[in-house]
Amino acid sequence: MRGAVLNTSPGDLEITELAIDNPGPREVLVRTAAAGLCHSDLHAIDGSIPARLPACLGHEAAGVVEAVGELVAHVVPGDHVISCLSVFCGHCENCVSGFPNRCQSTEMRRGRDEKSRLTLEDGTPINQWYNLSSFAELMLVHENALVKIVDDIPLDRAALIGCAVVTGVGAVIHTAGVRPGETVAVIGCGGIGLNCIQGARLAGAGRIIAVDRVPMKLELAKKFGATDVVDASSVDPVQAVVEMTSGGVHYAFEAIGLKATAEAAFGMLRSGGTATVVGLLPFGATIEIPGLALIAERKLQGSLMGSNRFRVDMPRLVDLYLQGRLELDELISARITLDQVNDGFKAMQGGEVARSVIIFD
């Protein structure tokens, strides 16, 4: 099979012939139908975060089950599935406390003394990115990296739910707990930010302010539920948001992954407000906030994959899409082939797209 492998960082992905093993106990072989391009992959490509190389990248995907190993109970061949990097064991303290997204167990991976799931044709091991590696025609994963979904939703739209949607919507509803009528600001209107916006809409937020520097993305933000927009290329976004809301918002979400925008999100808060950093900051980055601002009970927090319980959340998000209440169609800016993956990431770097999706034959 063919896959996109990162050999050096910074570097480009190389389309390479790979071998994939047969599913072992509790493992599932999935034929990849669609895979979204995410900033987390870009961070590995440009060297912003460390990655064990060589690695086949990709983690936002949907596909069809080809085969299952022994003891698999959740899916059977022919099932449509979404993958998620929040692979969970189901019995650690985090899992049984209701936080499977925080699971740190390694038992869902193959051990160092076991054959690698992915290899070059000569047997050289290839690392799995986030236990998935969806930039390949097939994925071999633990069954707890998958959720079965109905066949009604097109798989290119379903793939987006695997990261961008569950992360953005979940950060608003689960991590922050936005309530009806409250005010929200979202910095960054890419794939994650647009889903923070529609998460705020679904939560019943009274005012949703989208902040970006690209006019096309601000227009798209309105379609996802933004009531107001701020062009950060022409005004100070913190000052603008504070003035628009007579003192700041109840909740701010940073959806880019930069020190400056994380600090700006905190600066947009009113007393008692909460800023949630959803974007993945570069390795080693620090955030500075004024200490006196904490006296007014302002909070700064992170969000790990939208605090998801993906086996529950993703089927519900599919239902919302099928009901016409969750925007997915307009989230896809471009459908590309695996051979165009590097061009897709260049478009992402240029701020030209919301989400590009690889379509596999």
Protein backbone atom coordinates (compact mmCIF):
# COMPACT_ATOMS: atom_id res chain seq x y z
CA MET A 1 0.00 0.00 0.00
CA ARG A 2 1.00 3.66 -0.36
CA GLY A 3 1.51 6.06 2.52
CA ALA A 4 2.95 9.52 3.24
CA VAL A 5 6.09 9.19 5.38
CA LEU A 6 8.03 11.93 7.17
CA ASN A 7 11.73 11.00 7.25
CA THR A 8 13.24 14.28 8.42
CA SER A 9 11.84 17.24 10.32
CA PRO A 10 11.61 19.89 8.98
CA GLY A 11 10.92 18.16 5.70
CA ASP A 12 8.33 17.13 3.16
CA LEU A 13 6.26 13.97 3.21
CA GLU A 14 7.38 11.23 0.83
CA ILE A 15 4.86 8.93 -0.82
CA THR A 16 6.24 5.48 -0.10
CA GLU A 17 5.26 1.84 -0.58
CA LEU A 18 4.55 0.38 2.85
CA ALA A 19 3.73 -3.05 4.24
CA ILE A 20 1.09 -3.48 6.92
CA ASP A 21 0.79 -6.46 9.26
CA ASN A 22 -2.27 -8.61 9.84
CA PRO A 23 -4.50 -7.63 12.78
CA GLY A 24 -3.54 -9.21 16.08
CA PRO A 25 -5.73 -9.51 19.19
CA ARG A 26 -8.02 -6.48 19.60
CA GLU A 27 -6.63 -4.93 16.40
CA VAL A 28 -8.62 -3.78 13.38
CA LEU A 29 -7.57 -3.29 9.75
CA VAL A 30 -9.35 -0.31 8.19
CA ARG A 31 -9.38 0.75 4.54
CA THR A 32 -8.97 4.52 4.70
CA ALA A 33 -11.62 6.43 2.75
CA ALA A 34 -10.71 10.00 3.70
CA ALA A 35 -8.13 11.76 5.89
CA GLY A 36 -8.07 15.42 6.89
CA LEU A 37 -4.94 17.57 7.06
CA CYS A 38 -4.47 19.01 10.55
CA HIS A 39 -2.09 21.57 12.07
CA SER A 40 -0.79 18.86 14.41
CA ASP A 41 0.63 17.06 11.37
CA LEU A 42 2.07 20.35 10.11
CA HIS A 43 3.81 20.90 13.45
CA ALA A 44 5.67 17.62 12.95
CA ILE A 45 6.52 18.52 9.36
CA ASP A 46 7.94 21.95 10.23
CA GLY A 47 9.68 20.76 13.40
CA SER A 48 7.53 22.68 15.91
CA ILE A 49 6.91 19.52 17.90
CA PRO A 50 9.16 16.46 18.19
CA ALA A 51 8.23 13.29 16.33
CA ARG A 52 9.71 9.80 16.28
CA LEU A 53 10.86 9.34 12.70
CA PRO A 54 10.40 7.86 10.21
CA ALA A 55 6.64 8.13 10.70
CA CYS A 56 3.55 7.84 8.57
CA LEU A 57 1.51 10.91 9.52
CA GLY A 58 -2.24 11.57 9.65
CA HIS A 59 -4.76 11.17 12.45
CA GLU A 60 -8.15 12.53 11.27
CA ALA A 61 -9.84 9.83 9.23
CA ALA A 62 -12.79 7.64 8.40
CA GLY A 63 -12.96 4.36 6.55
CA VAL A 64 -14.39 0.86 6.28
CA VAL A 65 -13.34 -2.14 8.38
CA GLU A 66 -11.51 -4.74 6.27
CA ALA A 67 -10.63 -7.34 8.90
CA VAL A 68 -10.53 -7.83 12.66
CA GLY A 69 -8.26 -9.76 14.99
CA GLU A 70 -9.18 -12.00 17.89
CA LEU A 71 -11.18 -10.54 20.81
CA VAL A 72 -12.47 -7.54 18.81
CA ALA A 73 -16.02 -6.82 19.96
CA HIS A 74 -16.83 -3.29 18.77
CA VAL A 75 -16.77 -3.68 14.96
CA VAL A 76 -17.02 -6.25 12.18
CA PRO A 77 -15.84 -6.17 8.56
CA GLY A 78 -17.90 -3.75 6.48
CA ASP A 79 -18.60 -1.31 9.32
CA HIS A 80 -18.05 2.38 8.67
CA VAL A 81 -15.80 3.89 11.34
CA ILE A 82 -14.15 7.11 12.46
CA SER A 83 -10.70 6.94 14.01
CA CYS A 84 -9.59 9.04 16.98
CA LEU A 85 -6.17 9.63 18.50
CA SER A 86 -7.73 9.46 21.99
CA VAL A 87 -7.13 5.72 22.14
CA PHE A 88 -8.27 4.50 25.55
CA CYS A 89 -7.66 1.39 27.64
CA GLY A 90 -11.00 1.50 29.46
CA HIS A 91 -9.79 0.54 32.93
CA CYS A 92 -7.21 3.08 34.16
CA GLU A 93 -8.07 5.84 36.65
CA ASN A 94 -8.66 8.40 33.89
CA CYS A 95 -10.93 6.08 31.92
CA VAL A 96 -13.09 4.94 34.82
CA SER A 97 -13.31 8.53 36.13
CA GLY A 98 -14.96 9.62 32.87
CA PHE A 99 -11.89 11.13 31.18
CA PRO A 100 -10.84 8.57 28.52
CA ASN A 101 -9.25 11.39 26.48
CA ARG A 102 -6.58 11.59 29.22
CA CYS A 103 -5.70 7.89 29.10
CA GLN A 104 -1.92 7.41 29.27
CA SER A 105 -1.83 3.64 28.95
CA THR A 106 0.52 2.18 26.35
CA GLU A 107 -1.13 -1.24 26.17
CA MET A 108 -3.01 -0.24 22.98
CA ARG A 109 0.31 -0.13 21.10
CA ARG A 110 2.51 -3.01 20.09
CA GLY A 111 5.53 -3.56 22.31
CA ARG A 112 9.11 -2.94 21.25
CA ASP A 113 9.66 -6.70 21.04
CA GLU A 114 6.68 -7.15 18.71
CA LYS A 115 6.56 -6.68 14.94
CA SER A 116 5.81 -3.12 13.90
CA ARG A 117 2.33 -2.58 12.47
CA LEU A 118 3.86 -0.55 9.64
CA THR A 119 7.11 -1.22 7.81
CA LEU A 120 8.87 -0.44 4.60
CA GLU A 121 8.81 -3.30 2.13
CA ASP A 122 12.31 -4.29 3.32
CA GLY A 123 11.03 -4.65 6.89
CA THR A 124 12.29 -1.33 8.30
CA PRO A 125 9.82 -0.22 11.02
CA ILE A 126 7.75 2.91 10.45
CA ASN A 127 6.37 4.74 13.50
CA GLN A 128 2.63 5.23 13.81
CA TRP A 129 1.57 8.86 14.27
CA TYR A 130 -0.76 9.11 17.26
CA ASN A 131 -1.34 5.34 17.02
CA LEU A 132 -3.19 5.83 13.71
CA SER A 133 -1.16 6.92 10.61
CA SER A 134 -4.12 7.78 8.41
CA PHE A 135 -2.10 9.16 5.48
CA ALA A 136 -2.07 5.63 4.08
CA GLU A 137 -4.45 3.43 2.17
CA LEU A 138 -4.85 1.12 5.17
CA MET A 139 -4.71 1.63 8.95
CA LEU A 140 -3.99 -1.07 11.54
CA VAL A 141 -5.19 0.16 14.94
CA HIS A 142 -6.43 -0.97 18.33
CA GLU A 143 -10.23 -1.30 18.37
CA ASN A 144 -10.40 1.43 21.05
CA ALA A 145 -9.16 3.91 18.45
CA LEU A 146 -12.38 3.48 16.47
CA VAL A 147 -16.07 4.20 16.76
CA LYS A 148 -18.71 2.61 14.56
CA ILE A 149 -21.04 5.04 12.78
CA VAL A 150 -24.10 4.79 10.55
CA ASP A 151 -23.57 4.47 6.82
CA ASP A 152 -25.67 7.55 5.97
CA ILE A 153 -22.93 10.16 6.33
CA PRO A 154 -20.35 10.55 3.53
CA LEU A 155 -16.98 9.40 4.81
CA ASP A 156 -15.12 12.56 3.78
CA ARG A 157 -17.39 14.54 6.13
CA ALA A 158 -17.19 11.87 8.82
CA ALA A 159 -13.38 12.09 8.80
CA LEU A 160 -13.54 15.69 10.02
CA ILE A 161 -15.39 14.61 13.13
CA GLY A 162 -12.33 12.55 14.12
CA CYS A 163 -10.30 15.62 15.12
CA ALA A 164 -11.40 19.12 14.08
CA VAL A 165 -15.06 18.75 15.00
CA VAL A 166 -14.79 16.73 18.21
CA THR A 167 -11.94 18.99 19.38
CA GLY A 168 -13.58 22.35 18.61
CA VAL A 169 -17.13 21.50 19.64
CA GLY A 170 -15.91 19.55 22.65
CA ALA A 171 -13.68 22.38 23.90
CA VAL A 172 -16.74 24.62 24.09
CA ILE A 173 -19.29 22.15 25.44
CA HIS A 174 -17.17 19.80 27.57
CA THR A 175 -13.97 21.63 28.55
CA ALA A 176 -15.34 25.14 29.04
CA GLY A 177 -19.02 24.38 29.62
CA VAL A 178 -20.44 27.39 27.80
CA ARG A 179 -24.02 28.10 28.82
CA PRO A 180 -26.92 29.70 26.92
CA GLY A 181 -26.67 33.47 26.60
CA GLU A 182 -22.98 33.76 27.49
CA THR A 183 -20.46 35.59 25.30
CA VAL A 184 -17.70 33.84 23.39
CA ALA A 185 -14.65 34.92 21.36
CA VAL A 186 -12.79 32.51 19.08
CA ILE A 187 -9.30 33.39 17.82
CA GLY A 188 -8.50 31.59 14.57
CA CYS A 189 -11.12 30.47 12.07
CA GLY A 190 -9.48 27.37 10.62
CA GLY A 191 -10.82 23.86 11.07
CA ILE A 192 -10.67 23.89 14.87
CA GLY A 193 -11.83 27.47 15.31
CA LEU A 194 -14.85 27.08 13.04
CA ASN A 195 -15.91 24.14 15.17
CA CYS A 196 -15.45 26.16 18.36
CA ILE A 197 -17.80 28.68 16.75
CA GLN A 198 -20.45 26.13 15.90
CA GLY A 199 -19.96 24.49 19.29
CA ALA A 200 -20.81 27.86 20.85
CA ARG A 201 -23.85 28.11 18.59
CA LEU A 202 -25.01 24.64 19.63
CA ALA A 203 -24.47 25.59 23.29
CA GLY A 204 -26.73 28.62 22.86
CA ALA A 205 -24.10 31.35 23.32
CA GLY A 206 -25.66 34.81 23.09
CA ARG A 207 -22.79 36.43 21.19
CA ILE A 208 -20.01 34.69 19.25
CA ILE A 209 -17.12 36.87 18.08
CA ALA A 210 -14.79 35.40 15.44
CA VAL A 211 -11.23 36.77 15.22
CA ASP A 212 -8.94 36.20 12.24
CA ARG A 213 -6.76 38.03 9.72
CA VAL A 214 -8.17 36.42 6.57
CA PRO A 215 -11.43 37.91 5.17
CA MET A 216 -12.49 34.61 3.60
CA LYS A 217 -12.29 32.85 6.96
CA LEU A 218 -14.25 35.59 8.69
CA GLU A 219 -17.02 35.26 6.11
CA LEU A 220 -17.02 31.49 6.63
CA ALA A 221 -17.20 32.03 10.39
CA LYS A 222 -20.55 33.81 9.95
CA LYS A 223 -21.95 30.72 8.23
CA PHE A 224 -20.85 28.59 11.19
CA GLY A 225 -22.59 30.82 13.72
CA ALA A 226 -20.46 33.90 14.43
CA THR A 227 -22.59 36.93 15.31
CA ASP A 228 -19.64 39.36 15.00
CA VAL A 229 -16.21 39.33 13.36
CA VAL A 230 -12.96 41.13 14.13
CA ASP A 231 -10.27 41.54 11.47
CA ALA A 232 -7.08 41.26 13.51
CA SER A 233 -5.03 42.64 10.60
CA SER A 234 -6.60 46.08 10.96
CA VAL A 235 -7.39 46.49 14.69
CA ASP A 236 -6.10 45.37 18.07
CA PRO A 237 -8.32 42.31 18.58
CA VAL A 238 -8.15 42.38 22.38
CA GLN A 239 -9.20 46.01 22.56
CA ALA A 240 -11.91 45.45 19.96
CA VAL A 241 -13.45 42.49 21.78
CA VAL A 242 -13.33 44.19 25.18
CA GLU A 243 -15.01 47.30 23.76
CA MET A 244 -17.65 45.31 21.87
CA THR A 245 -18.66 43.44 25.02
CA SER A 246 -18.33 46.27 27.54
CA GLY A 247 -15.58 44.60 29.50
CA GLY A 248 -14.76 41.28 27.87
CA VAL A 249 -16.26 37.89 27.13
CA HIS A 250 -17.23 35.04 29.41
CA TYR A 251 -15.20 32.57 27.34
CA ALA A 252 -12.36 32.91 24.84
CA PHE A 253 -10.92 30.10 22.73
CA GLU A 254 -7.48 30.08 21.11
CA ALA A 255 -7.55 27.84 18.04
CA ILE A 256 -4.22 28.54 16.34
CA GLY A 257 -1.46 27.40 18.69
CA LEU A 258 0.64 30.55 19.22
CA LYS A 259 1.95 32.26 22.35
CA ALA A 260 0.63 35.67 21.26
CA THR A 261 -2.89 34.46 20.51
CA ALA A 262 -3.08 32.44 23.73
CA GLU A 263 -2.19 35.58 25.66
CA ALA A 264 -4.71 37.57 23.62
CA ALA A 265 -7.46 35.10 24.52
CA PHE A 266 -6.78 35.70 28.22
CA GLY A 267 -6.76 39.45 27.62
CA MET A 268 -10.27 39.32 26.15
CA LEU A 269 -11.86 38.02 29.35
CA ARG A 270 -14.18 39.82 31.71
CA SER A 271 -13.96 39.17 35.45
CA GLY A 272 -14.60 35.49 36.12
CA GLY A 273 -13.99 34.58 32.48
CA THR A 274 -12.18 31.50 31.16
CA ALA A 275 -9.70 31.28 28.27
CA THR A 276 -9.22 27.84 26.75
CA VAL A 277 -6.16 27.10 24.62
CA VAL A 278 -7.25 24.55 22.03
CA GLY A 279 -4.40 25.02 19.54
CA LEU A 280 -1.22 23.00 19.96
CA LEU A 281 1.59 25.37 20.97
CA PRO A 282 5.14 24.72 19.68
CA PHE A 283 7.35 22.58 21.89
CA GLY A 284 8.92 24.71 24.64
CA ALA A 285 6.56 27.68 24.21
CA THR A 286 5.50 29.56 27.35
CA ILE A 287 2.52 31.82 28.00
CA GLU A 288 2.79 35.03 30.05
CA ILE A 289 -0.24 36.59 31.72
CA PRO A 290 -0.51 39.52 34.16
CA GLY A 291 -0.62 38.19 37.69
CA LEU A 292 -3.04 40.83 38.93
CA ALA A 293 -5.59 39.72 36.31
CA LEU A 294 -6.02 36.47 38.23
CA ILE A 295 -7.43 38.32 41.24
CA ALA A 296 -10.64 38.86 39.26
CA GLU A 297 -10.98 35.05 39.01
CA ARG A 298 -10.00 34.89 35.37
CA LYS A 299 -8.81 31.41 34.33
CA LEU A 300 -6.48 30.00 31.68
CA GLN A 301 -6.83 26.32 30.80
CA GLY A 302 -6.01 23.80 28.11
CA SER A 303 -8.21 21.33 26.28
CA LEU A 304 -7.13 17.85 25.18
CA MET A 305 -9.08 16.81 22.10
CA GLY A 306 -12.18 18.62 23.36
CA SER A 307 -12.34 16.55 26.58
CA ASN A 308 -14.01 13.94 24.38
CA ARG A 309 -15.66 10.63 25.12
CA PHE A 310 -15.49 9.88 21.43
CA ARG A 311 -17.48 6.63 21.46
CA VAL A 312 -20.41 8.73 22.75
CA ASP A 313 -19.69 12.11 21.18
CA MET A 314 -19.00 11.17 17.57
CA PRO A 315 -22.25 9.30 16.84
CA ARG A 316 -24.12 12.26 18.33
CA LEU A 317 -22.21 14.66 16.08
CA VAL A 318 -23.05 12.46 13.09
CA ASP A 319 -26.73 12.71 14.06
CA LEU A 320 -26.48 16.51 14.32
CA TYR A 321 -25.00 16.63 10.81
CA LEU A 322 -27.74 14.42 9.39
CA GLN A 323 -30.32 16.68 11.08
CA GLY A 324 -28.77 19.74 9.39
CA ARG A 325 -27.62 21.25 12.71
CA LEU A 326 -23.85 20.67 12.31
CA GLU A 327 -21.94 22.25 9.43
CA LEU A 328 -19.48 19.91 7.74
CA ASP A 329 -19.89 20.41 3.99
CA GLU A 330 -18.46 23.93 3.94
CA LEU A 331 -15.63 22.94 6.26
CA ILE A 332 -13.96 21.16 3.34
CA SER A 333 -12.03 23.70 1.27
CA ALA A 334 -10.33 21.16 -0.99
CA ARG A 335 -10.42 17.46 -1.79
CA ILE A 336 -6.99 16.21 -2.80
CA THR A 337 -5.17 13.00 -3.61
CA LEU A 338 -2.43 11.46 -1.49
CA ASP A 339 0.13 12.69 -4.03
CA GLN A 340 -1.00 16.29 -3.36
CA VAL A 341 -0.49 16.12 0.41
CA ASN A 342 2.52 18.47 0.50
CA ASP A 343 0.65 21.04 -1.59
CA GLY A 344 -2.20 20.74 0.89
CA PHE A 345 0.07 21.62 3.80
CA LYS A 346 1.54 24.56 1.88
CA ALA A 347 -2.00 25.87 1.40
CA MET A 348 -2.57 25.47 5.14
CA GLN A 349 0.58 27.45 5.90
CA GLY A 350 -0.68 30.22 3.63
CA GLY A 351 -3.98 30.42 5.52
CA GLU A 352 -5.91 29.64 2.36
CA VAL A 353 -8.11 26.78 3.58
CA ALA A 354 -10.38 25.65 6.39
CA ARG A 355 -9.71 21.94 5.84
CA SER A 356 -8.19 19.89 3.02
CA VAL A 357 -9.17 16.23 2.86
CA ILE A 358 -7.32 13.40 1.14
CA ILE A 359 -9.73 11.18 -0.77
CA PHE A 360 -8.55 7.59 -1.29
CA ASP A 361 -9.83 5.46 -4.17
